[in-house]
C-alpha cells in the first residue's frame, strides 16, 4: 500500500494485528457464525498481509540446487544397489551336484569305518590269544607238557583242554574263548567242569560242543599209533616260533571240505594264531611261515593229528578224533 495517501502513519492499518484479532474473534464464535462471518474476516486479513508491501523473492539458484540434490541422492542410491550382490536361486543341477558330492563322501567313509572295525577286532583277538597262550605256558611249565584233553580221554572234544586249564588254575575264568568277530561270545567260566565231563561225558559233551562252536581252534597234541599224546615242552624248545597253540577257528561248516577258505572270524580276511613263543601272527592265507604249512591240516593235508612237533596243526575246539 502507498504511504502517500491521506491516512497518517498512526492510522495505517496493521495487517498482522488485524489478522490475529480476527482469529481471536473466530475462536469466540460458535461454529455456525465461524463458518460464515469468521471466514470472510480471515480472508480480508490475508489480503492485507499479501499487500503489505513486502518484496518476497525465492532464494538464489533454488532450482539449480534442488536439481543437484536430487541428482546426488539418485547417485547414492545407485551406489548402494551396486554393492549388494544379488543372490541367485538354487538350480536343480546345483542341487544334484551337491548331492552327488555328499553321497560320494558318505560312500568313501565306509572303507575307513570297516578298516577301523577290523583293526579293533584284530587287536582284541590278539589280546585274547595272548591270555590263552599265558595259561598254556604256565600249564606246560607245571607239567612239562602242553594241555591236551584228548590225550587224557580220547572221547573228549579237542577244546576240552580249555576246561582242563581252567580247573587246574592256569586259565582265568574270565578269559574270552571266542574272537570278538564271532556271534557267540563264550568265557571259560561258562564251560562245564572237568569233573562233570569225566562223570557224564555223553551228557555234558553236547553242552560243551555247543559252547565251543565259535571258540578258538586248539593244538590237539601229537598223534601216535596208540592215539593222541601230549606235546611235551622239551620237544618244542627250538621250534617254539613254529608251533601253534591257539588260533581263529576254520570255516565252520564242513571245514575239511573247504580247505581253501579263511576263518570267518575276521570276515574271511585271514586268521590270527598264537605260537608257543608267545607271538601272535595274522595271515591273510591259511599258510604260515616259509614252509607254507596250512594251519588247519597236517603235513599230509589231512585233518588228522600232527605226528611231529614241527607239524603246524590246529583243529576246531568242538572236534572229536574218536568219532
Protein backbone atom coordinates (compact mmCIF):
# COMPACT_ATOMS: atom_id res chain seq x y z
CA UNK A 1 0.00 0.00 0.00
CA UNK A 2 1.18 3.52 -0.72
CA UNK A 3 2.23 5.70 2.24
CA UNK A 4 1.42 8.95 0.32
CA UNK A 5 -2.29 8.63 0.85
CA UNK A 6 -4.19 10.89 3.14
CA UNK A 7 -4.11 8.44 6.05
CA UNK A 8 -1.41 9.18 8.61
CA UNK A 9 1.15 6.63 9.67
CA UNK A 10 -0.52 6.24 13.05
CA UNK A 11 -3.75 5.42 11.32
CA UNK A 12 -2.20 2.93 8.93
CA UNK A 13 -3.88 -0.45 9.47
CA UNK A 14 -1.75 -3.21 11.00
CA UNK A 15 -2.49 -6.29 8.87
CA UNK A 16 -0.88 -8.74 11.30
CA UNK A 17 -2.71 -7.38 14.27
CA UNK A 18 -5.98 -7.34 12.37
CA UNK A 19 -5.44 -10.97 11.34
CA UNK A 20 -4.63 -12.10 14.86
CA UNK A 21 -7.64 -10.27 16.16
CA UNK A 22 -9.79 -11.94 13.60
CA UNK A 23 -8.52 -15.33 14.74
CA UNK A 24 -9.36 -14.43 18.33
CA UNK A 25 -12.82 -13.37 17.26
CA UNK A 26 -13.23 -16.55 15.28
CA UNK A 27 -12.34 -18.62 18.35
CA UNK A 28 -15.07 -16.88 20.34
CA UNK A 29 -17.74 -17.51 17.73
CA UNK A 30 -19.79 -20.56 17.72
CA UNK A 31 -19.43 -22.99 14.86
CA UNK A 32 -22.25 -21.58 12.73
CA UNK A 33 -21.01 -17.98 12.95
CA UNK A 34 -17.40 -19.03 12.27
CA UNK A 35 -18.43 -20.77 9.13
CA UNK A 36 -19.74 -17.54 7.60
CA UNK A 37 -18.60 -14.21 9.03
CA UNK A 38 -15.39 -15.63 10.52
CA UNK A 39 -14.05 -16.89 7.25
CA UNK A 40 -14.73 -13.62 5.48
CA UNK A 41 -12.76 -11.66 8.05
CA UNK A 42 -9.85 -14.12 7.80
CA UNK A 43 -9.78 -13.71 4.04
CA UNK A 44 -9.66 -9.92 4.42
CA UNK A 45 -6.71 -10.24 6.80
CA UNK A 46 -4.84 -12.49 4.41
CA UNK A 47 -5.31 -9.96 1.61
CA UNK A 48 -3.83 -7.26 3.85
CA UNK A 49 -0.77 -9.47 4.56
CA UNK A 50 -0.30 -10.18 0.90
CA UNK A 51 -0.46 -6.49 0.08
CA UNK A 52 1.74 -5.16 2.91
CA UNK A 53 4.44 -4.02 0.51
CA UNK A 54 6.95 -6.80 1.34
CA UNK A 55 9.06 -7.92 -1.60
CA UNK A 56 9.09 -11.74 -1.28
CA UNK A 57 11.70 -13.38 -3.51
CA UNK A 58 12.90 -17.02 -3.89
CA UNK A 59 16.46 -17.86 -2.73
CA UNK A 60 19.09 -17.51 -5.44
CA UNK A 61 19.71 -20.63 -7.61
CA UNK A 62 16.98 -22.53 -5.74
CA UNK A 63 16.03 -24.63 -8.75
CA UNK A 64 19.65 -25.44 -9.59
CA UNK A 65 20.45 -26.51 -6.02
CA UNK A 66 17.30 -28.58 -5.80
CA UNK A 67 18.10 -30.47 -9.02
CA UNK A 68 21.70 -31.05 -7.86
CA UNK A 69 20.48 -32.51 -4.56
CA UNK A 70 18.06 -34.80 -6.36
CA UNK A 71 20.88 -36.00 -8.62
CA UNK A 72 23.20 -36.72 -5.68
CA UNK A 73 20.52 -38.72 -3.93
CA UNK A 74 19.83 -40.78 -7.05
CA UNK A 75 23.59 -41.44 -7.47
CA UNK A 76 23.93 -42.56 -3.83
CA UNK A 77 21.03 -44.98 -4.10
CA UNK A 78 22.53 -46.44 -7.29
CA UNK A 79 25.86 -46.93 -5.46
CA UNK A 80 24.21 -48.96 -2.71
CA UNK A 81 22.36 -51.07 -5.22
CA UNK A 82 25.64 -51.96 -6.98
CA UNK A 83 27.37 -53.12 -3.77
CA UNK A 84 24.61 -55.61 -2.95
CA UNK A 85 25.28 -58.83 -4.85
CA UNK A 86 22.03 -60.41 -5.91
CA UNK A 87 21.55 -63.95 -4.53
CA UNK A 88 20.83 -66.44 -7.24
CA UNK A 89 18.31 -69.19 -6.67
CA UNK A 90 19.44 -72.81 -6.46
CA UNK A 91 19.11 -74.61 -9.71
CA UNK A 92 18.29 -78.32 -9.94
CA UNK A 93 21.69 -79.03 -11.46
CA UNK A 94 23.40 -77.35 -8.49
CA UNK A 95 21.44 -79.47 -6.04
CA UNK A 96 22.25 -82.63 -8.00
CA UNK A 97 25.99 -81.87 -7.96
CA UNK A 98 25.97 -81.12 -4.21
CA UNK A 99 24.03 -84.31 -3.50
CA UNK A 100 26.47 -86.34 -5.62
CA UNK A 101 29.44 -84.96 -3.72
CA UNK A 102 27.86 -85.68 -0.33
CA UNK A 103 26.89 -89.20 -1.42
CA UNK A 104 30.44 -89.87 -2.64
CA UNK A 105 31.84 -88.68 0.69
CA UNK A 106 29.37 -90.90 2.53
CA UNK A 107 30.35 -93.96 0.50
CA UNK A 108 34.02 -93.12 0.87
CA UNK A 109 33.73 -93.25 4.65
CA UNK A 110 32.70 -96.93 4.61
CA UNK A 111 36.17 -98.36 3.88
CA UNK A 112 37.66 -96.28 6.67
CA UNK A 113 34.98 -97.44 9.10
CA UNK A 114 35.46 -101.06 8.06
CA UNK A 115 39.23 -100.79 8.47
CA UNK A 116 38.81 -99.26 11.93
CA UNK A 117 36.38 -102.00 12.93
CA UNK A 118 38.70 -104.70 11.56
CA UNK A 119 41.70 -103.23 13.39
CA UNK A 120 39.84 -103.04 16.71
CA UNK A 121 38.63 -106.63 16.35
CA UNK A 122 42.12 -107.79 15.41
CA UNK A 123 43.70 -106.13 18.45
CA UNK A 124 41.09 -107.60 20.81
CA UNK A 125 41.53 -111.03 19.23
CA UNK A 126 45.32 -110.86 19.70
CA UNK A 127 44.78 -109.98 23.37
CA UNK A 128 42.51 -113.00 23.87
CA UNK A 129 45.02 -115.33 22.24
CA UNK A 130 47.84 -113.92 24.37
CA UNK A 131 45.86 -114.76 27.51
CA UNK A 132 45.25 -118.31 26.27
CA UNK A 133 48.95 -118.66 25.50
CA UNK A 134 49.83 -117.48 29.01
CA UNK A 135 47.62 -120.19 30.51
CA UNK A 136 49.13 -122.88 28.27
CA UNK A 137 52.64 -121.63 29.04
CA UNK A 138 52.03 -121.87 32.81
CA UNK A 139 50.49 -125.32 32.35
CA UNK A 140 53.48 -126.55 30.32
CA UNK A 141 55.92 -125.26 32.95
CA UNK A 142 53.96 -127.10 35.65
CA UNK A 143 53.57 -130.45 33.85
CA UNK A 144 56.37 -130.17 31.23
CA UNK A 145 53.70 -130.73 28.56
CA UNK A 146 51.10 -128.62 26.82
CA UNK A 147 47.48 -129.33 27.77
CA UNK A 148 45.60 -131.94 25.75
CA UNK A 149 42.22 -133.19 26.87
CA UNK A 150 42.20 -135.81 24.11
CA UNK A 151 45.46 -137.28 25.45
CA UNK A 152 43.68 -137.96 28.75
CA UNK A 153 40.41 -139.13 27.24
CA UNK A 154 40.22 -139.97 23.53
CA UNK A 155 36.47 -139.32 23.55
CA UNK A 156 36.88 -135.69 24.58
CA UNK A 157 36.47 -132.83 22.09
CA UNK A 158 39.77 -131.06 21.48
CA UNK A 159 38.53 -127.86 23.16
CA UNK A 160 38.07 -129.65 26.49
CA UNK A 161 41.70 -128.67 27.11
CA UNK A 162 40.29 -125.21 27.96
CA UNK A 163 38.22 -126.81 30.73
CA UNK A 164 41.31 -128.66 31.94
CA UNK A 165 43.42 -125.47 32.06
CA UNK A 166 40.68 -123.60 33.90
CA UNK A 167 40.17 -126.32 36.52
CA UNK A 168 43.92 -126.65 37.17
CA UNK A 169 44.05 -122.91 37.85
CA UNK A 170 46.20 -122.00 34.84
CA UNK A 171 43.44 -120.21 32.91
CA UNK A 172 41.44 -117.35 34.37
CA UNK A 173 37.68 -117.93 34.30
CA UNK A 174 37.01 -114.56 32.68
CA UNK A 175 39.26 -115.13 29.65
CA UNK A 176 37.25 -114.90 26.39
CA UNK A 177 37.35 -118.12 24.40
CA UNK A 178 35.99 -116.64 21.18
CA UNK A 179 37.13 -113.98 18.74
CA UNK A 180 35.31 -110.62 19.03
CA UNK A 181 34.21 -111.13 15.43
CA UNK A 182 32.13 -114.20 16.34
CA UNK A 183 28.41 -114.06 17.01
CA UNK A 184 28.58 -116.13 20.18
CA UNK A 185 30.84 -114.90 22.98
CA UNK A 186 31.99 -117.56 25.45
CA UNK A 187 34.17 -117.29 28.54
CA UNK A 188 35.93 -120.06 30.44
CA UNK A 189 33.50 -119.96 33.37
CA UNK A 190 30.61 -120.91 31.05
CA UNK A 191 32.05 -124.36 30.34
CA UNK A 192 31.17 -127.45 32.42
CA UNK A 193 33.79 -128.67 34.86
CA UNK A 194 36.36 -131.32 34.10
CA UNK A 195 34.89 -133.50 36.85
CA UNK A 196 31.41 -133.34 35.29
CA UNK A 197 32.84 -134.25 31.90
CA UNK A 198 34.59 -137.26 33.42
CA UNK A 199 31.44 -138.46 35.16
CA UNK A 200 28.90 -137.98 32.40
CA UNK A 201 30.78 -137.32 29.18
CA UNK A 202 27.79 -138.16 26.98
CA UNK A 203 25.54 -135.72 28.82
CA UNK A 204 27.99 -132.83 29.02
CA UNK A 205 29.71 -133.44 25.69
CA UNK A 206 26.83 -131.94 23.69
CA UNK A 207 26.67 -128.96 26.01
CA UNK A 208 30.43 -128.49 25.65
CA UNK A 209 30.40 -128.87 21.87
CA UNK A 210 27.64 -126.26 21.58
CA UNK A 211 29.61 -123.79 23.72
CA UNK A 212 32.79 -124.42 21.70
CA UNK A 213 31.27 -123.87 18.23
CA UNK A 214 32.78 -120.39 17.96
CA UNK A 215 35.72 -120.96 20.30
CA UNK A 216 39.32 -120.66 19.19
CA UNK A 217 40.94 -123.59 17.40
CA UNK A 218 43.46 -125.52 19.52
CA UNK A 219 46.51 -127.72 19.15
CA UNK A 220 45.22 -131.25 19.91
CA UNK A 221 48.53 -132.94 20.81
CA UNK A 222 50.68 -135.39 18.84
CA UNK A 223 49.26 -138.41 17.06
CA UNK A 224 50.74 -141.88 17.56
CA UNK A 225 49.85 -145.49 16.95
CA UNK A 226 48.14 -145.60 20.33
CA UNK A 227 46.19 -142.34 19.93
CA UNK A 228 46.89 -138.72 20.70
CA UNK A 229 49.65 -137.92 23.20
CA UNK A 230 50.73 -134.77 24.99
CA UNK A 231 53.04 -132.35 23.20
CA UNK A 232 55.98 -132.21 25.62
CA UNK A 233 57.61 -128.88 26.23
CA UNK A 234 61.09 -130.28 25.78
CA UNK A 235 60.26 -131.11 22.15
CA UNK A 236 59.45 -127.51 21.28
CA UNK A 237 62.44 -125.64 22.76
CA UNK A 238 63.95 -124.86 19.36
CA UNK A 239 60.62 -124.79 17.48
CA UNK A 240 58.51 -122.55 19.65
CA UNK A 241 58.07 -119.86 16.97
CA UNK A 242 56.67 -122.55 14.61
CA UNK A 243 54.39 -124.46 16.99
CA UNK A 244 50.82 -123.05 17.01
CA UNK A 245 48.81 -123.35 20.21
CA UNK A 246 45.58 -121.41 19.52
CA UNK A 247 44.04 -119.52 16.63
CA UNK A 248 40.84 -118.42 14.93
CA UNK A 249 38.58 -121.36 14.10
CA UNK A 250 38.50 -122.52 10.47
CA UNK A 251 35.45 -122.22 8.21
CA UNK A 252 32.69 -123.54 10.49
CA UNK A 253 30.73 -125.83 8.15
CA UNK A 254 32.39 -128.97 6.79
CA UNK A 255 35.77 -127.34 7.27
CA UNK A 256 37.61 -130.39 5.93
CA UNK A 257 35.89 -129.84 2.55
CA UNK A 258 36.70 -126.12 2.48
CA UNK A 259 40.45 -126.15 2.89
CA UNK A 260 40.89 -123.02 0.79
CA UNK A 261 38.71 -120.80 2.99
CA UNK A 262 39.95 -118.46 5.68
CA UNK A 263 38.34 -118.24 9.09
CA UNK A 264 35.12 -116.24 9.16
CA UNK A 265 36.10 -114.64 12.49
CA UNK A 266 37.60 -111.65 10.65
CA UNK A 267 35.22 -111.55 7.72
CA UNK A 268 37.23 -114.07 5.74
CA UNK A 269 40.25 -111.73 5.52
CA UNK A 270 42.58 -114.07 7.41
CA UNK A 271 43.29 -115.61 10.78
CA UNK A 272 45.19 -114.87 13.97
CA UNK A 273 47.40 -117.55 15.51
CA UNK A 274 49.48 -117.52 18.70
CA UNK A 275 52.61 -119.65 18.74
CA UNK A 276 54.46 -121.38 21.58
CA UNK A 277 56.91 -118.49 21.93
CA UNK A 278 54.00 -116.13 22.66
CA UNK A 279 53.92 -114.08 19.45
CA UNK A 280 50.60 -113.55 17.67
CA UNK A 281 50.60 -113.53 13.88
CA UNK A 282 47.87 -112.59 11.42
CA UNK A 283 47.96 -114.23 8.00
CA UNK A 284 45.78 -113.38 5.01
CA UNK A 285 46.01 -117.02 3.96
CA UNK A 286 45.82 -120.30 5.83
CA UNK A 287 49.53 -120.83 5.28
CA UNK A 288 52.19 -119.61 7.71
CA UNK A 289 55.95 -119.19 7.63
CA UNK A 290 58.36 -120.13 4.87
CA UNK A 291 57.35 -123.78 4.95
CA UNK A 292 53.95 -122.76 3.64
CA UNK A 293 52.12 -125.08 6.03
CA UNK A 294 48.34 -124.97 6.15
CA UNK A 295 47.49 -124.14 9.73
CA UNK A 296 44.33 -126.29 9.68
CA UNK A 297 45.78 -129.52 8.19
CA UNK A 298 48.80 -131.68 8.92
CA UNK A 299 51.77 -132.32 6.62
CA UNK A 300 49.69 -134.76 4.59
CA UNK A 301 46.99 -132.13 4.01
CA UNK A 302 44.53 -134.01 6.19
CA UNK A 303 42.55 -133.09 9.26
CA UNK A 304 44.36 -135.64 11.37
CA UNK A 305 46.54 -135.29 14.47
CA UNK A 306 50.03 -133.96 13.72
CA UNK A 307 52.76 -136.56 14.02
CA UNK A 308 55.73 -134.28 14.81
CA UNK A 309 56.28 -131.11 16.85
CA UNK A 310 57.07 -129.07 13.73
CA UNK A 311 53.78 -130.08 12.06
CA UNK A 312 51.61 -126.97 12.31
CA UNK A 313 48.10 -128.06 13.12
CA UNK A 314 45.03 -126.53 14.79
CA UNK A 315 41.61 -128.15 14.97
CA UNK A 316 38.20 -126.71 15.89
CA UNK A 317 37.59 -126.77 19.63
CA UNK A 318 34.44 -128.88 19.19
CA UNK A 319 36.14 -131.52 17.02
CA UNK A 320 36.45 -135.16 18.16
CA UNK A 321 39.03 -137.52 16.70
CA UNK A 322 37.41 -140.57 18.22
CA UNK A 323 34.08 -140.25 16.41
